[in-house]
């Protein structure tokens, strides 16, 4: 599996051009992409990165990738990130790496959003394999959980008794749906719940998905 991730990541980095500002995603697959970007910087390429998590920031600094804060850029040329599910319309579930808020903020201003996955992440309908991560504030989070449950899911606090705290100081609920036939409608209902900071639904954001399978690399485009 790690070999598939590496191959997909290295293929995605082929879309990088000298002089770009890059969004640096978070997760086990994107790790390989950041490593490859670091090699380009060592070769003399003029690249700058906007990291989507503290973990990615630390990795990038070790590799010598010059970094920018999101506030310092108007647009990002290309973001490379992973996903937990991808449907045939290139809508995504993301956030199992607990970085969904920053990932979405970076994706929002990216001219290109290239997603790297192995073929196990491709689904006919979102929500059929992965739970949907929801980032919520700590205050009253059990009340927020009940609101989430009312939408027809089974919400579980990530980390349980020692809950996962995001880089933004929030909590993550993994919300298990049988499937999500109307992602846009669900996104709207989730955002209406006070206490919900962001959802792991990334709709209409991906421009390309690089998929690694047993028969090599396939690229899905919007």
C-alpha atoms as a PDB file:
ATOM      1  CA  UNK A   1       0.000   0.000   0.000  1.00  0.00           C
ATOM      2  CA  UNK A   2       2.809   2.429   0.835  1.00  0.00           C
ATOM      3  CA  UNK A   3       4.323   1.768  -2.601  1.00  0.00           C
ATOM      4  CA  UNK A   4       1.018   2.783  -4.234  1.00  0.00           C
ATOM      5  CA  UNK A   5       0.973   5.946  -2.145  1.00  0.00           C
ATOM      6  CA  UNK A   6       4.530   6.811  -3.131  1.00  0.00           C
ATOM      7  CA  UNK A   7       3.852   6.263  -6.839  1.00  0.00           C
ATOM      8  CA  UNK A   8       0.703   8.418  -6.741  1.00  0.00           C
ATOM      9  CA  UNK A   9       2.508  11.162  -4.842  1.00  0.00           C
ATOM     10  CA  UNK A  10       5.459  11.257  -7.227  1.00  0.00           C
ATOM     11  CA  UNK A  11       3.094  11.383 -10.229  1.00  0.00           C
ATOM     12  CA  UNK A  12       1.228  14.323  -8.677  1.00  0.00           C
ATOM     13  CA  UNK A  13       4.479  16.225  -8.154  1.00  0.00           C
ATOM     14  CA  UNK A  14       5.013  16.092 -11.923  1.00  0.00           C
ATOM     15  CA  UNK A  15       2.369  18.857 -12.121  1.00  0.00           C
ATOM     16  CA  UNK A  16       4.614  21.177 -10.082  1.00  0.00           C
ATOM     17  CA  UNK A  17       6.370  23.926 -12.048  1.00  0.00           C
ATOM     18  CA  UNK A  18       9.315  26.069 -11.037  1.00  0.00           C
ATOM     19  CA  UNK A  19       8.234  29.301  -9.326  1.00  0.00           C
ATOM     20  CA  UNK A  20       4.980  27.948  -7.882  1.00  0.00           C
ATOM     21  CA  UNK A  21       3.401  28.561  -4.500  1.00  0.00           C
ATOM     22  CA  UNK A  22       2.232  25.156  -3.325  1.00  0.00           C
ATOM     23  CA  UNK A  23      -0.329  24.001  -0.807  1.00  0.00           C
ATOM     24  CA  UNK A  24       1.203  21.183   1.213  1.00  0.00           C
ATOM     25  CA  UNK A  25      -1.415  18.699   2.351  1.00  0.00           C
ATOM     26  CA  UNK A  26      -1.450  16.425   5.374  1.00  0.00           C
ATOM     27  CA  UNK A  27      -1.462  12.656   5.721  1.00  0.00           C
ATOM     28  CA  UNK A  28       0.426   9.467   4.976  1.00  0.00           C
ATOM     29  CA  UNK A  29       0.109   9.790   1.188  1.00  0.00           C
ATOM     30  CA  UNK A  30       0.916  13.498   1.016  1.00  0.00           C
ATOM     31  CA  UNK A  31       4.022  12.825   3.102  1.00  0.00           C
ATOM     32  CA  UNK A  32       5.653  11.305  -0.009  1.00  0.00           C
ATOM     33  CA  UNK A  33       4.689  14.336  -2.111  1.00  0.00           C
ATOM     34  CA  UNK A  34       6.276  16.748   0.361  1.00  0.00           C
ATOM     35  CA  UNK A  35       9.423  14.624   0.299  1.00  0.00           C
ATOM     36  CA  UNK A  36       9.506  14.862  -3.508  1.00  0.00           C
ATOM     37  CA  UNK A  37       8.968  18.640  -3.374  1.00  0.00           C
ATOM     38  CA  UNK A  38      11.860  18.864  -0.943  1.00  0.00           C
ATOM     39  CA  UNK A  39      14.081  17.144  -3.490  1.00  0.00           C
ATOM     40  CA  UNK A  40      13.106  19.712  -6.133  1.00  0.00           C
ATOM     41  CA  UNK A  41      14.013  22.554  -3.758  1.00  0.00           C
ATOM     42  CA  UNK A  42      17.417  20.966  -3.187  1.00  0.00           C
ATOM     43  CA  UNK A  43      17.871  20.895  -6.967  1.00  0.00           C
ATOM     44  CA  UNK A  44      17.410  24.669  -7.017  1.00  0.00           C
ATOM     45  CA  UNK A  45      13.725  25.027  -7.873  1.00  0.00           C
ATOM     46  CA  UNK A  46      12.066  28.221  -6.618  1.00  0.00           C
ATOM     47  CA  UNK A  47       9.131  26.767  -4.694  1.00  0.00           C
ATOM     48  CA  UNK A  48       7.283  27.980  -1.620  1.00  0.00           C
ATOM     49  CA  UNK A  49       4.816  26.036   0.458  1.00  0.00           C
ATOM     50  CA  UNK A  50       1.770  26.759   2.582  1.00  0.00           C
ATOM     51  CA  UNK A  51       1.432  23.859   5.061  1.00  0.00           C
ATOM     52  CA  UNK A  52      -1.968  22.586   6.185  1.00  0.00           C
ATOM     53  CA  UNK A  53      -0.863  21.253   9.575  1.00  0.00           C
ATOM     54  CA  UNK A  54       1.858  21.492  12.177  1.00  0.00           C
ATOM     55  CA  UNK A  55       3.091  18.042  11.156  1.00  0.00           C
ATOM     56  CA  UNK A  56       3.474  19.064   7.509  1.00  0.00           C
ATOM     57  CA  UNK A  57       5.110  22.332   8.532  1.00  0.00           C
ATOM     58  CA  UNK A  58       7.702  20.427  10.578  1.00  0.00           C
ATOM     59  CA  UNK A  59       8.391  18.012   7.717  1.00  0.00           C
ATOM     60  CA  UNK A  60       8.747  20.851   5.200  1.00  0.00           C
ATOM     61  CA  UNK A  61      11.130  22.807   7.416  1.00  0.00           C
ATOM     62  CA  UNK A  62      13.375  19.754   7.794  1.00  0.00           C
ATOM     63  CA  UNK A  63      13.468  19.441   4.006  1.00  0.00           C
ATOM     64  CA  UNK A  64      14.355  23.108   3.541  1.00  0.00           C
ATOM     65  CA  UNK A  65      11.126  24.062   1.747  1.00  0.00           C
ATOM     66  CA  UNK A  66      10.528  27.835   2.163  1.00  0.00           C
ATOM     67  CA  UNK A  67       7.184  28.379   3.864  1.00  0.00           C
ATOM     68  CA  UNK A  68       4.518  31.069   3.741  1.00  0.00           C
ATOM     69  CA  UNK A  69       1.561  31.741   6.004  1.00  0.00           C
ATOM     70  CA  UNK A  70      -1.857  31.576   4.390  1.00  0.00           C
ATOM     71  CA  UNK A  71      -2.315  35.288   5.165  1.00  0.00           C
ATOM     72  CA  UNK A  72       0.710  36.085   2.982  1.00  0.00           C
ATOM     73  CA  UNK A  73      -0.721  34.729  -0.286  1.00  0.00           C
ATOM     74  CA  UNK A  74      -3.634  35.768  -2.476  1.00  0.00           C
ATOM     75  CA  UNK A  75      -3.760  32.507  -4.411  1.00  0.00           C
ATOM     76  CA  UNK A  76      -2.000  29.154  -4.372  1.00  0.00           C
ATOM     77  CA  UNK A  77      -0.895  27.741  -7.719  1.00  0.00           C
ATOM     78  CA  UNK A  78      -1.223  24.071  -6.873  1.00  0.00           C
ATOM     79  CA  UNK A  79      -2.160  22.085  -3.781  1.00  0.00           C
ATOM     80  CA  UNK A  80      -1.348  18.410  -3.420  1.00  0.00           C
ATOM     81  CA  UNK A  81      -3.335  16.566  -0.779  1.00  0.00           C
ATOM     82  CA  UNK A  82      -4.856  13.187   0.014  1.00  0.00           C
ATOM     83  CA  UNK A  83      -8.432  12.034   0.567  1.00  0.00           C
ATOM     84  CA  UNK A  84     -10.321   9.343   2.441  1.00  0.00           C
ATOM     85  CA  UNK A  85     -12.981   8.872  -0.242  1.00  0.00           C
ATOM     86  CA  UNK A  86     -13.374  10.094  -3.829  1.00  0.00           C
ATOM     87  CA  UNK A  87     -16.560   9.710  -5.856  1.00  0.00           C
ATOM     88  CA  UNK A  88     -16.859   9.707  -9.640  1.00  0.00           C
ATOM     89  CA  UNK A  89     -17.628  13.425  -9.682  1.00  0.00           C
ATOM     90  CA  UNK A  90     -14.381  14.124  -7.787  1.00  0.00           C
ATOM     91  CA  UNK A  91     -16.171  15.126  -4.595  1.00  0.00           C
ATOM     92  CA  UNK A  92     -14.254  14.068  -1.503  1.00  0.00           C
ATOM     93  CA  UNK A  93     -14.337  13.090   2.122  1.00  0.00           C
ATOM     94  CA  UNK A  94     -11.218  14.307   3.897  1.00  0.00           C
ATOM     95  CA  UNK A  95     -10.120  14.821   7.460  1.00  0.00           C
ATOM     96  CA  UNK A  96      -9.009  11.506   8.914  1.00  0.00           C
ATOM     97  CA  UNK A  97      -5.684  13.281   9.470  1.00  0.00           C
ATOM     98  CA  UNK A  98      -7.527  15.876  11.622  1.00  0.00           C
ATOM     99  CA  UNK A  99      -6.422  18.787   9.397  1.00  0.00           C
ATOM    100  CA  UNK A 100      -9.646  19.329   7.470  1.00  0.00           C
ATOM    101  CA  UNK A 101     -10.206  22.991   8.399  1.00  0.00           C
ATOM    102  CA  UNK A 102      -6.776  24.171   7.272  1.00  0.00           C
ATOM    103  CA  UNK A 103      -6.878  21.860   4.259  1.00  0.00           C
ATOM    104  CA  UNK A 104     -10.172  23.394   3.135  1.00  0.00           C
ATOM    105  CA  UNK A 105      -8.933  26.956   3.687  1.00  0.00           C
ATOM    106  CA  UNK A 106      -5.908  26.212   1.500  1.00  0.00           C
ATOM    107  CA  UNK A 107      -7.973  24.392  -1.129  1.00  0.00           C
ATOM    108  CA  UNK A 108     -10.387  27.332  -1.331  1.00  0.00           C
ATOM    109  CA  UNK A 109      -7.748  29.658  -2.798  1.00  0.00           C
ATOM    110  CA  UNK A 110      -5.938  27.044  -4.902  1.00  0.00           C
ATOM    111  CA  UNK A 111      -6.006  27.279  -8.690  1.00  0.00           C
ATOM    112  CA  UNK A 112      -5.453  23.522  -8.863  1.00  0.00           C
ATOM    113  CA  UNK A 113      -6.255  20.921  -6.217  1.00  0.00           C
ATOM    114  CA  UNK A 114      -4.553  17.632  -7.042  1.00  0.00           C
ATOM    115  CA  UNK A 115      -5.628  14.711  -4.851  1.00  0.00           C
ATOM    116  CA  UNK A 116      -3.548  11.562  -4.475  1.00  0.00           C
ATOM    117  CA  UNK A 117      -5.102   8.243  -3.432  1.00  0.00           C
ATOM    118  CA  UNK A 118      -4.848   4.521  -3.958  1.00  0.00           C
ATOM    119  CA  UNK A 119      -7.723   2.803  -5.723  1.00  0.00           C
ATOM    120  CA  UNK A 120      -9.309   1.611  -2.455  1.00  0.00           C
ATOM    121  CA  UNK A 121     -10.489   5.206  -1.854  1.00  0.00           C
ATOM    122  CA  UNK A 122     -12.665   5.390  -4.992  1.00  0.00           C
ATOM    123  CA  UNK A 123     -16.383   4.957  -4.212  1.00  0.00           C
ATOM    124  CA  UNK A 124     -19.667   5.171  -6.108  1.00  0.00           C
ATOM    125  CA  UNK A 125     -21.204   7.242  -3.292  1.00  0.00           C
ATOM    126  CA  UNK A 126     -19.552   9.174  -0.462  1.00  0.00           C
ATOM    127  CA  UNK A 127     -19.902   7.831   3.052  1.00  0.00           C
ATOM    128  CA  UNK A 128     -19.959   4.157   2.121  1.00  0.00           C
ATOM    129  CA  UNK A 129     -16.456   3.365   3.399  1.00  0.00           C
ATOM    130  CA  UNK A 130     -15.134   6.257   5.455  1.00  0.00           C
ATOM    131  CA  UNK A 131     -16.812   8.113   8.300  1.00  0.00           C
ATOM    132  CA  UNK A 132     -17.271  11.831   7.750  1.00  0.00           C
ATOM    133  CA  UNK A 133     -14.974  13.874  10.047  1.00  0.00           C
ATOM    134  CA  UNK A 134     -16.571  16.960  11.574  1.00  0.00           C
ATOM    135  CA  UNK A 135     -14.485  19.541  13.456  1.00  0.00           C
ATOM    136  CA  UNK A 136     -16.371  21.040  16.422  1.00  0.00           C
ATOM    137  CA  UNK A 137     -15.542  23.461  19.222  1.00  0.00           C
ATOM    138  CA  UNK A 138     -14.931  21.949  22.637  1.00  0.00           C
ATOM    139  CA  UNK A 139     -17.611  24.010  24.379  1.00  0.00           C
ATOM    140  CA  UNK A 140     -20.847  22.018  24.501  1.00  0.00           C
ATOM    141  CA  UNK A 141     -19.517  19.370  22.161  1.00  0.00           C
ATOM    142  CA  UNK A 142     -21.748  16.646  23.580  1.00  0.00           C
ATOM    143  CA  UNK A 143     -24.763  18.797  22.718  1.00  0.00           C
ATOM    144  CA  UNK A 144     -23.275  19.256  19.231  1.00  0.00           C
ATOM    145  CA  UNK A 145     -22.923  15.477  19.010  1.00  0.00           C
ATOM    146  CA  UNK A 146     -26.651  15.075  19.619  1.00  0.00           C
ATOM    147  CA  UNK A 147     -27.398  17.544  16.832  1.00  0.00           C
ATOM    148  CA  UNK A 148     -25.136  15.545  14.521  1.00  0.00           C
ATOM    149  CA  UNK A 149     -26.846  12.318  15.505  1.00  0.00           C
ATOM    150  CA  UNK A 150     -30.216  13.846  14.595  1.00  0.00           C
ATOM    151  CA  UNK A 151     -29.003  14.011  10.974  1.00  0.00           C
ATOM    152  CA  UNK A 152     -28.919  10.214  10.822  1.00  0.00           C
ATOM    153  CA  UNK A 153     -25.307   9.341  11.623  1.00  0.00           C
ATOM    154  CA  UNK A 154     -23.427   7.635  14.439  1.00  0.00           C
ATOM    155  CA  UNK A 155     -20.987  10.284  15.741  1.00  0.00           C
ATOM    156  CA  UNK A 156     -17.947   9.069  17.652  1.00  0.00           C
ATOM    157  CA  UNK A 157     -15.514  11.409  19.373  1.00  0.00           C
ATOM    158  CA  UNK A 158     -12.095  10.783  17.874  1.00  0.00           C
ATOM    159  CA  UNK A 159      -9.740   9.603  20.567  1.00  0.00           C
ATOM    160  CA  UNK A 160     -12.526   8.774  23.013  1.00  0.00           C
ATOM    161  CA  UNK A 161     -11.427   9.429  26.603  1.00  0.00           C
ATOM    162  CA  UNK A 162      -8.239  11.111  25.373  1.00  0.00           C
ATOM    163  CA  UNK A 163      -9.765  13.082  22.524  1.00  0.00           C
ATOM    164  CA  UNK A 164      -7.813  14.227  19.498  1.00  0.00           C
ATOM    165  CA  UNK A 165      -7.225  17.986  19.613  1.00  0.00           C
ATOM    166  CA  UNK A 166      -6.769  19.646  16.224  1.00  0.00           C
ATOM    167  CA  UNK A 167      -4.120  22.267  15.480  1.00  0.00           C
ATOM    168  CA  UNK A 168      -6.951  24.779  15.970  1.00  0.00           C
ATOM    169  CA  UNK A 169      -7.790  23.552  19.487  1.00  0.00           C
ATOM    170  CA  UNK A 170     -10.994  21.799  18.420  1.00  0.00           C
ATOM    171  CA  UNK A 171     -12.357  18.246  18.540  1.00  0.00           C
ATOM    172  CA  UNK A 172     -13.182  15.803  15.745  1.00  0.00           C
ATOM    173  CA  UNK A 173     -16.301  13.660  15.544  1.00  0.00           C
ATOM    174  CA  UNK A 174     -16.201  10.782  13.079  1.00  0.00           C
ATOM    175  CA  UNK A 175     -19.762  10.560  11.770  1.00  0.00           C
ATOM    176  CA  UNK A 176     -20.714   7.222  10.272  1.00  0.00           C
ATOM    177  CA  UNK A 177     -23.445   7.364   7.624  1.00  0.00           C
ATOM    178  CA  UNK A 178     -24.594   4.364   5.623  1.00  0.00           C
ATOM    179  CA  UNK A 179     -24.078   6.610   2.595  1.00  0.00           C
ATOM    180  CA  UNK A 180     -24.332  10.299   1.649  1.00  0.00           C
ATOM    181  CA  UNK A 181     -26.617  10.553  -1.406  1.00  0.00           C
ATOM    182  CA  UNK A 182     -26.920  14.361  -1.147  1.00  0.00           C
ATOM    183  CA  UNK A 183     -23.532  15.769  -0.076  1.00  0.00           C
ATOM    184  CA  UNK A 184     -24.450  19.407  -0.797  1.00  0.00           C
ATOM    185  CA  UNK A 185     -27.641  19.185   1.219  1.00  0.00           C
ATOM    186  CA  UNK A 186     -25.851  17.493   4.111  1.00  0.00           C
ATOM    187  CA  UNK A 187     -23.098  20.112   4.057  1.00  0.00           C
ATOM    188  CA  UNK A 188     -25.719  22.848   4.360  1.00  0.00           C
ATOM    189  CA  UNK A 189     -27.463  21.134   7.283  1.00  0.00           C
ATOM    190  CA  UNK A 190     -24.182  20.500   9.103  1.00  0.00           C
ATOM    191  CA  UNK A 191     -23.053  24.106   8.750  1.00  0.00           C
ATOM    192  CA  UNK A 192     -26.294  25.269  10.378  1.00  0.00           C
ATOM    193  CA  UNK A 193     -25.402  23.500  13.637  1.00  0.00           C
ATOM    194  CA  UNK A 194     -23.835  25.911  16.151  1.00  0.00           C
ATOM    195  CA  UNK A 195     -20.537  24.435  17.297  1.00  0.00           C
ATOM    196  CA  UNK A 196     -19.661  22.857  13.955  1.00  0.00           C
ATOM    197  CA  UNK A 197     -16.496  24.530  12.690  1.00  0.00           C
ATOM    198  CA  UNK A 198     -16.004  22.635   9.413  1.00  0.00           C
ATOM    199  CA  UNK A 199     -16.916  19.393   7.691  1.00  0.00           C
ATOM    200  CA  UNK A 200     -14.825  16.866   5.802  1.00  0.00           C
ATOM    201  CA  UNK A 201     -16.962  17.234   2.686  1.00  0.00           C
ATOM    202  CA  UNK A 202     -14.789  18.794  -0.047  1.00  0.00           C
ATOM    203  CA  UNK A 203     -17.247  19.445  -2.842  1.00  0.00           C
ATOM    204  CA  UNK A 204     -16.229  20.837  -6.230  1.00  0.00           C
ATOM    205  CA  UNK A 205     -12.663  21.515  -5.081  1.00  0.00           C
ATOM    206  CA  UNK A 206     -10.549  18.768  -6.644  1.00  0.00           C
ATOM    207  CA  UNK A 207      -9.373  19.441 -10.196  1.00  0.00           C
ATOM    208  CA  UNK A 208      -7.451  16.178 -10.633  1.00  0.00           C
ATOM    209  CA  UNK A 209      -7.259  12.904  -8.724  1.00  0.00           C
ATOM    210  CA  UNK A 210      -4.172  10.730  -9.159  1.00  0.00           C
ATOM    211  CA  UNK A 211      -5.147   7.124  -8.454  1.00  0.00           C
ATOM    212  CA  UNK A 212      -2.596   4.364  -7.913  1.00  0.00           C
ATOM    213  CA  UNK A 213      -3.762   0.808  -8.556  1.00  0.00           C
ATOM    214  CA  UNK A 214      -2.407  -2.600  -9.390  1.00  0.00           C
ATOM    215  CA  UNK A 215      -2.252  -1.649 -13.069  1.00  0.00           C
ATOM    216  CA  UNK A 216      -0.430   1.633 -12.535  1.00  0.00           C
ATOM    217  CA  UNK A 217      -1.510   5.272 -12.324  1.00  0.00           C
ATOM    218  CA  UNK A 218      -4.822   6.691 -13.540  1.00  0.00           C
ATOM    219  CA  UNK A 219      -5.715  10.385 -13.536  1.00  0.00           C
ATOM    220  CA  UNK A 220      -9.317  11.486 -13.054  1.00  0.00           C
ATOM    221  CA  UNK A 221     -10.111  15.080 -14.080  1.00  0.00           C
ATOM    222  CA  UNK A 222     -13.083  17.316 -13.487  1.00  0.00           C
END
